[in-house]
Amino acid sequence: MSLERKIWSEQFTEWFSEMLLKAEIADFRYPLKGCGVWMPYGFKLRKHILDIMRRLLDETGHQEVLFPLLIPEDLLAKEAVHIKSFFEECFWVTRGGSTEFDVKYALRPTSETAITPMVKLWVRSHADLPLKLYQVVSVFRYETKATRPLIRVREVTTFKEAHTFHRSYEDAARQVEEGVEIYKKFFDEICVPYLISQRPEWDKFAGAVYTYAFDTISPDGRSLQIGTVHHLGTNFTKAFDFTYETREGKREYPHSTSYGISERVVAAVMMVHGDDRGLVLPPNIAPIQVIVIPIPYKGVEEVVNEEAKKIVEELKAASIRAEADLREDVTPGSKYYDWEIKGVPIRVEVGPRDVERKEITLVRRDTLERTVIPRDKLVDGVKELMEKLQNDLRERAWKWLREHVHRTDSIEEARKLIDNRQGVVEVMWCGEEECGFRIEEGISGRVLGMPIDTKEEPKGNCIVCGKPAKQVIRIARAF
């Protein structure tokens, strides 16, 4: 079967839903639309991904916190633009037992309005700034559109939101740049390629001065937003009358930022590396990095199984996540099938002839290439193959993404590329909102924003009005 796989690339939606269950990532058959259950294997994948994010945040001076789920309506309403944006998406708690509340409580849609008034109590002077906090929590959005597992849900169960406070606009702007760098390192470690764009004014985060967004491209050519970073200025601190004492003894409003990711990053890993056989997981985040499959023959089953157990023990002693599939009455071929679906990076095959020759066979999940190595080189061989596989997955994913970013000066060609799900299209834009809206309407795509990951100067004329271009703008059919 070709590695350019039909189901993955041409029937992606069906493939994705099927793999969530078959690979035991998450089960969205829970009797509440838009809510799902992380299964043990998927929860481990989620944990390894979050461990990377937590490490990167901790290394850059962020401190983890945990805020309440419920936000009183009067707090949420203090930032008018924010509440206007989120009001229709909020879940509201209006009573406890049979007692009606005087104030409604929102299930957290995001936490700027919960965190800011508390930080106001903690920050007194310039000496308390900067303050960099983060939490990993559930947030709730009443999605009125069709829900999609991990991608468009009503309970976002893996919402990492960072909130930072600074003495000046410039300090906060530098924090935005640090947030972008953290995300770049994060996505590079999980081998997910990305485009970074500044969202247009009409599509930035409610209450933000400006928003940067990370997007990747799915196998069916649609863009998926996988992370955002916002400069919030003093919009939230002013709303809560939050000031601090400067070195000169004056009172000023802190400037704040926020940036978040969700379980969409798990979906991104699945979509970027999958194939017709199932998932293909980067070794550093795979719940099981090596699966050992004994290939017994009649009369030597015990010998082969014992060797498989020894291999697992040696790998675990070297901090490699390894398991042996010792199920009886299941053929080796069926075991291959099961673990390929789960995306385990490396398969070790061991049969009686391998034991006799003191060899083992390694099979990498992405290409199914087989390598025979000496038994005493087990740990080094596995580590070398994991490193190579990780790098190959990253390089292959970036190559694919770059091949699916197109440039055109024709609105007809742009529409055709979008309709045929060819990925992201870049066009010239005069910077006027009216032309931006006309681009979205004429191409039936979403304006992702202006590239900040390239230094290219715009050349040519606006694709709509013909005036000299001030910006390059990205458009895609988005989830």
Protein backbone atom coordinates (compact mmCIF):
# COMPACT_ATOMS: atom_id res chain seq x y z
CA MET A 1 0.00 0.00 0.00
CA SER A 2 1.35 3.44 -0.95
CA LEU A 3 2.37 5.78 1.85
CA GLU A 4 0.37 8.53 0.09
CA ARG A 5 -2.72 7.12 1.70
CA LYS A 6 -6.21 7.63 0.37
CA ILE A 7 -8.23 7.52 3.57
CA TRP A 8 -5.91 9.90 5.41
CA SER A 9 -5.60 12.46 2.62
CA GLU A 10 -8.93 12.19 0.79
CA GLN A 11 -11.31 11.12 3.53
CA PHE A 12 -9.69 12.93 6.41
CA THR A 13 -12.82 13.68 8.43
CA GLU A 14 -13.84 10.02 8.47
CA TRP A 15 -10.26 8.91 9.13
CA PHE A 16 -9.95 11.29 12.09
CA SER A 17 -13.16 10.17 13.78
CA GLU A 18 -12.29 6.53 13.23
CA MET A 19 -8.77 6.90 14.60
CA LEU A 20 -9.90 8.64 17.77
CA LEU A 21 -11.71 5.44 18.75
CA LYS A 22 -9.52 2.79 17.13
CA ALA A 23 -6.32 4.27 18.56
CA GLU A 24 -8.10 4.78 21.90
CA ILE A 25 -7.41 8.52 22.08
CA ALA A 26 -10.84 9.87 23.02
CA ASP A 27 -14.45 8.76 22.95
CA PHE A 28 -17.00 11.40 22.00
CA ARG A 29 -20.04 9.17 22.42
CA TYR A 30 -20.66 10.82 25.79
CA PRO A 31 -24.36 11.84 25.99
CA LEU A 32 -23.65 15.57 25.80
CA LYS A 33 -22.83 17.06 22.41
CA GLY A 34 -19.36 18.51 22.10
CA CYS A 35 -18.00 16.73 25.18
CA GLY A 36 -15.75 13.67 25.19
CA VAL A 37 -13.71 11.36 27.36
CA TRP A 38 -9.94 11.01 27.22
CA MET A 39 -9.12 7.30 27.15
CA PRO A 40 -6.00 6.00 28.97
CA TYR A 41 -3.76 5.88 25.87
CA GLY A 42 -4.93 9.30 24.68
CA PHE A 43 -4.55 10.77 28.17
CA LYS A 44 -0.90 9.69 28.24
CA LEU A 45 -0.35 11.33 24.85
CA ARG A 46 -1.99 14.49 26.18
CA LYS A 47 0.18 14.37 29.30
CA HIS A 48 3.46 14.05 27.38
CA ILE A 49 2.47 17.01 25.20
CA LEU A 50 1.53 19.13 28.22
CA ASP A 51 4.76 18.15 29.98
CA ILE A 52 6.68 19.86 27.16
CA MET A 53 4.57 23.01 27.46
CA ARG A 54 4.89 23.11 31.24
CA ARG A 55 8.69 22.72 30.98
CA LEU A 56 8.98 25.57 28.48
CA LEU A 57 6.81 27.85 30.60
CA ASP A 58 8.57 26.98 33.86
CA GLU A 59 11.96 27.60 32.24
CA THR A 60 10.88 31.11 31.26
CA GLY A 61 9.68 32.18 34.70
CA HIS A 62 5.97 31.34 34.43
CA GLN A 63 4.26 30.00 37.56
CA GLU A 64 1.37 27.54 37.48
CA VAL A 65 -1.86 28.46 39.26
CA LEU A 66 -5.44 27.24 39.40
CA PHE A 67 -8.44 29.58 39.32
CA PRO A 68 -12.12 28.77 39.93
CA LEU A 69 -14.34 27.49 37.15
CA LEU A 70 -17.22 29.88 37.89
CA ILE A 71 -17.01 33.56 36.97
CA PRO A 72 -19.71 35.94 38.30
CA GLU A 73 -21.55 37.75 35.51
CA ASP A 74 -20.66 41.19 36.92
CA LEU A 75 -16.94 40.34 36.70
CA LEU A 76 -17.28 39.06 33.17
CA ALA A 77 -19.24 42.18 32.18
CA LYS A 78 -16.60 44.64 33.35
CA GLU A 79 -14.72 44.34 30.06
CA ALA A 80 -17.50 45.26 27.65
CA VAL A 81 -15.86 44.15 24.39
CA HIS A 82 -14.89 40.85 25.98
CA ILE A 83 -18.33 39.99 27.33
CA LYS A 84 -20.01 41.05 24.09
CA SER A 85 -17.82 38.59 22.20
CA PHE A 86 -18.31 35.68 24.59
CA PHE A 87 -21.86 36.26 25.83
CA GLU A 88 -23.55 34.02 23.25
CA GLU A 89 -20.99 31.28 23.87
CA CYS A 90 -21.30 31.18 27.66
CA PHE A 91 -22.82 28.40 29.71
CA TRP A 92 -24.60 29.97 32.70
CA VAL A 93 -25.25 28.54 36.16
CA THR A 94 -28.39 30.19 37.54
CA ARG A 95 -29.21 28.21 40.65
CA GLY A 96 -27.82 25.88 43.29
CA GLY A 97 -30.22 23.09 44.12
CA SER A 98 -33.61 24.83 44.21
CA THR A 99 -32.17 28.25 45.14
CA GLU A 100 -32.09 30.84 42.37
CA PHE A 101 -28.93 32.96 42.37
CA ASP A 102 -29.08 36.74 42.40
CA VAL A 103 -26.06 36.78 40.08
CA LYS A 104 -25.51 34.37 37.21
CA TYR A 105 -22.21 32.47 37.03
CA ALA A 106 -20.50 31.69 33.74
CA LEU A 107 -18.58 28.50 33.23
CA ARG A 108 -15.16 29.93 32.36
CA PRO A 109 -14.96 30.71 28.60
CA THR A 110 -11.47 32.18 29.22
CA SER A 111 -9.95 33.70 32.34
CA GLU A 112 -8.85 37.32 31.82
CA THR A 113 -11.81 38.60 33.84
CA ALA A 114 -11.22 36.07 36.63
CA ILE A 115 -7.47 36.48 36.93
CA THR A 116 -7.12 40.27 36.61
CA PRO A 117 -9.06 41.27 39.78
CA MET A 118 -7.12 38.71 41.83
CA VAL A 119 -3.75 39.85 40.52
CA LYS A 120 -4.84 43.38 41.46
CA LEU A 121 -4.78 42.18 45.09
CA TRP A 122 -1.27 40.77 44.73
CA VAL A 123 0.53 43.49 42.78
CA ARG A 124 1.23 46.70 44.69
CA SER A 125 4.31 48.23 43.09
CA HIS A 126 6.74 48.01 40.17
CA ALA A 127 8.76 45.52 42.25
CA ASP A 128 5.95 42.97 41.84
CA LEU A 129 6.15 43.12 38.04
CA PRO A 130 6.47 41.35 35.70
CA LEU A 131 4.19 38.56 36.89
CA LYS A 132 3.77 35.53 34.65
CA LEU A 133 1.12 32.94 35.45
CA TYR A 134 -0.45 29.99 33.65
CA GLN A 135 -3.00 27.27 34.24
CA VAL A 136 -4.20 24.12 32.45
CA VAL A 137 -7.96 23.86 32.86
CA SER A 138 -11.27 23.19 31.16
CA VAL A 139 -13.05 26.08 29.48
CA PHE A 140 -16.56 26.00 28.10
CA ARG A 141 -17.90 27.47 24.87
CA TYR A 142 -21.48 26.95 23.71
CA GLU A 143 -20.65 26.08 20.13
CA THR A 144 -23.77 26.62 18.02
CA LYS A 145 -22.02 25.29 14.92
CA ALA A 146 -21.45 21.60 14.31
CA THR A 147 -19.05 20.25 16.89
CA ARG A 148 -15.99 18.24 15.91
CA PRO A 149 -13.98 16.05 18.35
CA LEU A 150 -10.88 17.83 19.73
CA ILE A 151 -11.27 20.61 17.15
CA ARG A 152 -14.58 22.35 17.89
CA VAL A 153 -15.95 21.28 21.26
CA ARG A 154 -18.11 22.64 24.04
CA GLU A 155 -15.77 21.58 26.82
CA VAL A 156 -12.17 22.41 25.97
CA THR A 157 -10.44 20.05 28.39
CA THR A 158 -6.82 20.97 27.68
CA PHE A 159 -6.82 24.76 27.77
CA LYS A 160 -3.37 26.06 28.66
CA GLU A 161 -3.74 29.78 29.23
CA ALA A 162 -0.88 32.04 30.26
CA HIS A 163 -1.56 35.50 31.70
CA THR A 164 1.23 38.01 32.25
CA PHE A 165 1.40 41.58 33.67
CA HIS A 166 4.02 44.22 32.91
CA ARG A 167 5.07 47.80 33.66
CA SER A 168 4.78 49.10 30.12
CA TYR A 169 3.38 48.46 26.65
CA GLU A 170 6.91 47.70 25.45
CA ASP A 171 7.50 45.15 28.21
CA ALA A 172 4.25 43.41 27.30
CA ALA A 173 5.20 43.48 23.60
CA ARG A 174 8.47 41.76 24.47
CA GLN A 175 6.45 39.17 26.39
CA VAL A 176 4.34 38.57 23.30
CA GLU A 177 7.54 37.85 21.40
CA GLU A 178 8.65 35.46 24.16
CA GLY A 179 5.26 33.75 23.96
CA VAL A 180 5.73 33.30 20.22
CA GLU A 181 9.19 31.81 20.77
CA ILE A 182 7.84 29.42 23.42
CA TYR A 183 5.19 28.20 20.99
CA LYS A 184 7.71 27.81 18.18
CA LYS A 185 9.84 25.58 20.40
CA PHE A 186 6.76 23.69 21.57
CA PHE A 187 5.44 22.93 18.08
CA ASP A 188 8.93 22.05 16.86
CA GLU A 189 9.24 19.50 19.67
CA ILE A 190 5.94 17.84 18.77
CA CYS A 191 6.83 18.01 15.05
CA VAL A 192 3.87 20.16 14.00
CA PRO A 193 4.65 22.78 11.33
CA TYR A 194 3.02 26.19 11.55
CA LEU A 195 2.36 29.54 9.97
CA ILE A 196 2.39 32.62 12.24
CA SER A 197 0.10 35.49 11.28
CA GLN A 198 -1.23 38.66 12.85
CA ARG A 199 -4.98 38.35 12.88
CA PRO A 200 -6.87 41.17 11.13
CA GLU A 201 -8.58 43.77 13.31
CA TRP A 202 -12.01 42.22 12.77
CA ASP A 203 -10.84 38.78 13.89
CA LYS A 204 -8.51 39.48 16.82
CA PHE A 205 -9.21 38.34 20.38
CA ALA A 206 -11.93 40.42 22.06
CA GLY A 207 -10.18 43.02 24.21
CA ALA A 208 -6.77 42.62 22.55
CA VAL A 209 -4.61 45.33 21.02
CA TYR A 210 -3.35 42.72 18.57
CA THR A 211 -3.36 38.95 18.19
CA TYR A 212 -0.80 36.56 16.70
CA ALA A 213 -1.98 33.10 15.71
CA PHE A 214 -0.33 29.81 14.82
CA ASP A 215 -2.05 27.78 12.10
CA THR A 216 -1.24 24.43 10.53
CA ILE A 217 -2.78 22.73 7.50
CA SER A 218 -4.80 19.52 7.59
CA PRO A 219 -4.56 16.72 4.99
CA ASP A 220 -7.74 17.99 3.34
CA GLY A 221 -6.27 21.46 2.86
CA ARG A 222 -8.07 23.29 5.66
CA SER A 223 -6.26 25.46 8.16
CA LEU A 224 -6.42 24.73 11.88
CA GLN A 225 -5.64 27.39 14.47
CA ILE A 226 -3.43 25.73 17.08
CA GLY A 227 -2.28 28.60 19.27
CA THR A 228 -2.77 32.32 19.89
CA VAL A 229 -0.79 35.09 21.61
CA HIS A 230 -2.49 38.38 22.55
CA HIS A 231 -1.23 41.82 23.59
CA LEU A 232 -4.05 43.10 25.78
CA GLY A 233 -2.62 46.54 26.57
CA THR A 234 -4.43 48.06 29.55
CA ASN A 235 -7.90 47.04 28.40
CA PHE A 236 -8.47 44.59 31.26
CA THR A 237 -6.50 46.38 33.98
CA LYS A 238 -8.42 49.62 33.34
CA ALA A 239 -11.71 47.73 33.44
CA PHE A 240 -10.84 46.53 36.96
CA ASP A 241 -9.18 49.79 38.06
CA PHE A 242 -5.95 47.85 38.63
CA THR A 243 -2.94 50.13 39.12
CA TYR A 244 0.55 49.80 40.55
CA GLU A 245 3.01 52.28 42.08
CA THR A 246 5.88 53.22 39.75
CA ARG A 247 9.46 53.97 40.82
CA GLU A 248 8.51 57.66 40.79
CA GLY A 249 5.55 57.09 43.12
CA LYS A 250 2.88 57.49 40.44
CA ARG A 251 -0.03 55.14 39.79
CA GLU A 252 -0.19 53.44 36.38
CA TYR A 253 -2.12 50.60 34.81
CA PRO A 254 -0.13 47.41 34.10
CA HIS A 255 -0.11 46.09 30.54
CA SER A 256 -1.09 42.45 30.15
CA THR A 257 -0.81 39.57 27.68
CA SER A 258 -2.43 36.18 27.35
CA TYR A 259 -1.71 33.15 25.19
CA GLY A 260 -3.31 29.75 24.90
CA ILE A 261 -3.39 26.33 23.31
CA SER A 262 -5.98 23.57 23.53
CA GLU A 263 -6.45 19.88 22.70
CA ARG A 264 -6.29 20.99 19.08
CA VAL A 265 -2.56 20.35 19.40
CA VAL A 266 -3.35 16.64 19.88
CA ALA A 267 -5.57 16.78 16.80
CA ALA A 268 -2.72 18.51 14.93
CA VAL A 269 -0.27 15.72 15.80
CA MET A 270 -2.78 13.15 14.57
CA MET A 271 -3.58 14.96 11.33
CA VAL A 272 -0.06 16.00 10.37
CA HIS A 273 1.59 12.59 10.66
CA GLY A 274 -1.21 10.06 10.12
CA ASP A 275 -1.57 7.60 7.26
CA ASP A 276 -3.95 4.87 6.12
CA ARG A 277 -2.69 2.51 8.80
CA GLY A 278 -3.46 4.91 11.63
CA LEU A 279 -1.49 7.31 13.79
CA VAL A 280 2.21 8.04 13.48
CA LEU A 281 3.44 9.57 16.74
CA PRO A 282 6.71 11.42 17.31
CA PRO A 283 8.77 9.34 19.76
CA ASN A 284 9.13 12.04 22.40
CA ILE A 285 5.36 12.22 23.03
CA ALA A 286 4.28 8.66 22.20
CA PRO A 287 2.67 6.89 25.20
CA ILE A 288 4.56 3.74 24.13
CA GLN A 289 7.79 4.37 22.23
CA VAL A 290 8.63 0.72 21.53
CA ILE A 291 6.33 -2.26 21.24
CA VAL A 292 8.00 -5.66 21.39
CA ILE A 293 6.28 -8.40 19.40
CA PRO A 294 7.36 -12.00 20.03
CA ILE A 295 7.10 -14.28 16.99
CA PRO A 296 6.89 -17.71 18.58
CA TYR A 297 7.07 -21.09 16.93
CA LYS A 298 5.60 -24.24 18.38
CA GLY A 299 7.74 -25.54 21.20
CA VAL A 300 9.74 -22.33 21.74
CA GLU A 301 7.00 -19.94 22.82
CA GLU A 302 8.38 -19.58 26.35
CA VAL A 303 11.91 -18.83 25.14
CA VAL A 304 10.72 -16.09 22.79
CA ASN A 305 8.35 -14.57 25.33
CA GLU A 306 11.07 -14.46 27.99
CA GLU A 307 13.39 -12.72 25.54
CA ALA A 308 10.66 -10.17 24.78
CA LYS A 309 10.29 -9.46 28.51
CA LYS A 310 14.06 -9.00 28.88
CA ILE A 311 14.11 -6.55 25.99
CA VAL A 312 11.36 -4.51 27.64
CA GLU A 313 13.20 -4.50 30.96
CA GLU A 314 16.40 -3.24 29.32
CA LEU A 315 14.58 -0.51 27.44
CA LYS A 316 12.68 0.64 30.52
CA ALA A 317 15.95 0.72 32.48
CA ALA A 318 17.17 3.18 29.83
CA SER A 319 14.04 5.36 30.35
CA ILE A 320 12.44 4.22 27.10
CA ARG A 321 8.69 3.65 27.26
CA ALA A 322 8.39 0.04 26.11
CA GLU A 323 5.81 -2.74 26.32
CA ALA A 324 5.60 -6.35 25.12
CA ASP A 325 2.49 -7.70 23.44
CA LEU A 326 2.24 -11.17 24.96
CA ARG A 327 -1.39 -11.81 24.05
CA GLU A 328 -2.08 -15.46 23.27
CA ASP A 329 -4.18 -16.61 20.33
CA VAL A 330 -3.44 -13.36 18.46
CA THR A 331 -1.20 -13.59 15.41
CA PRO A 332 1.87 -11.35 15.06
CA GLY A 333 0.24 -9.78 11.99
CA SER A 334 -2.82 -8.79 13.99
CA LYS A 335 -0.56 -7.31 16.66
CA TYR A 336 1.29 -5.28 14.01
CA TYR A 337 -2.06 -3.93 12.84
CA ASP A 338 -3.18 -2.94 16.34
CA TRP A 339 0.01 -1.09 17.25
CA GLU A 340 0.34 0.60 13.87
CA ILE A 341 -3.11 2.13 14.46
CA LYS A 342 -1.84 3.53 17.77
CA GLY A 343 1.20 5.04 16.06
CA VAL A 344 3.88 3.40 18.23
CA PRO A 345 7.14 4.71 16.70
CA ILE A 346 9.22 1.52 16.80
CA ARG A 347 8.35 -2.16 16.67
CA VAL A 348 10.83 -4.75 17.87
CA GLU A 349 10.31 -8.21 16.42
CA VAL A 350 11.90 -11.16 18.14
CA GLY A 351 11.63 -14.78 17.01
CA PRO A 352 13.57 -17.99 17.81
CA ARG A 353 16.07 -17.32 15.02
CA ASP A 354 16.72 -13.82 16.42
CA VAL A 355 17.35 -15.31 19.85
CA GLU A 356 19.73 -17.89 18.36
CA ARG A 357 21.64 -15.29 16.31
CA LYS A 358 21.58 -12.70 19.10
CA GLU A 359 19.88 -10.17 16.84
CA ILE A 360 16.70 -8.12 16.86
CA THR A 361 14.66 -6.51 14.11
CA LEU A 362 13.56 -2.87 14.41
CA VAL A 363 10.67 -1.56 12.30
CA ARG A 364 9.97 2.18 12.16
CA ARG A 365 6.29 3.11 12.08
CA ASP A 366 6.37 5.86 9.47
CA THR A 367 8.06 4.02 6.57
CA LEU A 368 7.85 0.42 7.88
CA GLU A 369 11.56 0.12 7.07
CA ARG A 370 13.19 -2.85 8.80
CA THR A 371 16.66 -2.86 10.35
CA VAL A 372 18.45 -5.81 11.95
CA ILE A 373 20.89 -4.92 14.73
CA PRO A 374 23.00 -6.95 17.20
CA ARG A 375 21.19 -7.79 20.42
CA ASP A 376 23.84 -6.07 22.53
CA LYS A 377 23.22 -2.79 20.63
CA LEU A 378 19.54 -2.75 21.62
CA VAL A 379 19.40 0.47 23.63
CA ASP A 380 21.75 2.48 21.43
CA GLY A 381 20.03 1.23 18.27
CA VAL A 382 16.57 2.17 19.54
CA LYS A 383 17.70 5.61 20.70
CA GLU A 384 19.39 6.35 17.38
CA LEU A 385 16.31 5.25 15.45
CA MET A 386 13.99 7.33 17.65
CA GLU A 387 16.09 10.44 17.06
CA LYS A 388 16.17 9.85 13.31
CA LEU A 389 12.43 9.18 13.19
CA GLN A 390 11.69 12.35 15.18
CA ASN A 391 13.79 14.48 12.83
CA ASP A 392 12.37 12.85 9.71
CA LEU A 393 8.80 13.43 10.86
CA ARG A 394 9.53 17.10 11.53
CA GLU A 395 11.26 17.65 8.18
CA ARG A 396 8.59 15.79 6.22
CA ALA A 397 5.80 17.77 7.89
CA TRP A 398 7.46 21.11 7.18
CA LYS A 399 8.05 20.14 3.55
CA TRP A 400 4.38 19.22 3.15
CA LEU A 401 3.19 22.49 4.72
CA ARG A 402 5.45 24.65 2.53
CA GLU A 403 4.16 22.84 -0.56
CA HIS A 404 0.62 23.81 0.46
CA VAL A 405 1.17 27.57 0.76
CA HIS A 406 0.46 29.28 -2.57
CA ARG A 407 0.86 32.82 -3.90
CA THR A 408 -1.40 34.33 -6.56
CA ASP A 409 -2.47 37.72 -7.90
CA SER A 410 -5.74 36.34 -9.28
CA ILE A 411 -8.85 36.14 -7.15
CA GLU A 412 -10.20 33.45 -9.48
CA GLU A 413 -7.11 31.31 -8.99
CA ALA A 414 -7.26 31.91 -5.24
CA ARG A 415 -10.88 30.74 -5.17
CA LYS A 416 -9.99 27.66 -7.19
CA LEU A 417 -7.12 26.76 -4.84
CA ILE A 418 -9.36 27.21 -1.80
CA ASP A 419 -12.26 25.25 -3.34
CA ASN A 420 -9.91 22.40 -4.24
CA ARG A 421 -8.56 22.32 -0.66
CA GLN A 422 -4.98 23.05 -1.72
CA GLY A 423 -4.07 24.75 1.55
CA VAL A 424 -3.26 28.40 2.33
CA VAL A 425 -3.26 31.13 -0.31
CA GLU A 426 -1.30 34.38 0.02
CA VAL A 427 -2.47 37.48 -1.86
CA MET A 428 -1.70 41.20 -1.87
CA TRP A 429 -3.97 43.48 0.17
CA CYS A 430 -4.32 47.23 0.50
CA GLY A 431 -5.03 46.97 4.24
CA GLU A 432 -8.63 48.24 4.05
CA GLU A 433 -11.17 46.17 5.99
CA GLU A 434 -13.71 46.44 3.19
CA CYS A 435 -11.32 44.70 0.80
CA GLY A 436 -10.54 42.13 3.49
CA PHE A 437 -14.24 41.29 3.81
CA ARG A 438 -14.60 41.13 0.04
CA ILE A 439 -11.66 38.71 -0.12
CA GLU A 440 -13.36 36.42 2.41
CA GLU A 441 -16.69 36.62 0.60
CA GLY A 442 -15.25 36.24 -2.90
CA ILE A 443 -13.02 33.30 -2.06
CA SER A 444 -15.27 31.63 0.55
CA GLY A 445 -12.32 31.37 2.90
CA ARG A 446 -11.14 32.89 6.13
CA VAL A 447 -8.51 35.61 6.34
CA LEU A 448 -5.86 34.16 8.64
CA GLY A 449 -3.92 37.40 8.79
CA MET A 450 -0.63 39.00 7.82
CA PRO A 451 2.52 36.87 7.98
CA ILE A 452 4.93 37.65 10.81
CA ASP A 453 7.13 34.62 10.13
CA THR A 454 8.52 36.17 6.94
CA LYS A 455 10.17 39.55 6.35
CA GLU A 456 8.89 39.96 2.81
CA GLU A 457 7.77 43.41 1.69
CA PRO A 458 4.46 43.46 -0.23
CA LYS A 459 4.89 43.95 -3.96
CA GLY A 460 2.10 44.66 -6.41
CA ASN A 461 -1.50 45.72 -6.01
CA CYS A 462 -4.46 44.72 -3.87
CA ILE A 463 -6.20 41.69 -5.33
CA VAL A 464 -9.59 43.43 -4.88
CA CYS A 465 -9.31 47.18 -5.50
CA GLY A 466 -6.02 47.38 -7.38
CA LYS A 467 -4.48 49.99 -5.06
CA PRO A 468 -0.82 49.55 -4.02
CA ALA A 469 -0.52 46.66 -1.57
CA LYS A 470 0.40 47.38 2.04
CA GLN A 471 0.21 43.81 3.30
CA VAL A 472 0.47 40.20 2.26
CA ILE A 473 -2.60 38.42 3.59
CA ARG A 474 -3.23 34.70 4.09
CA ILE A 475 -6.55 33.01 3.32
CA ALA A 476 -7.71 29.41 3.83
CA ARG A 477 -10.77 27.25 4.27
CA ALA A 478 -10.65 26.89 8.03
CA PHE A 479 -12.06 24.46 10.60
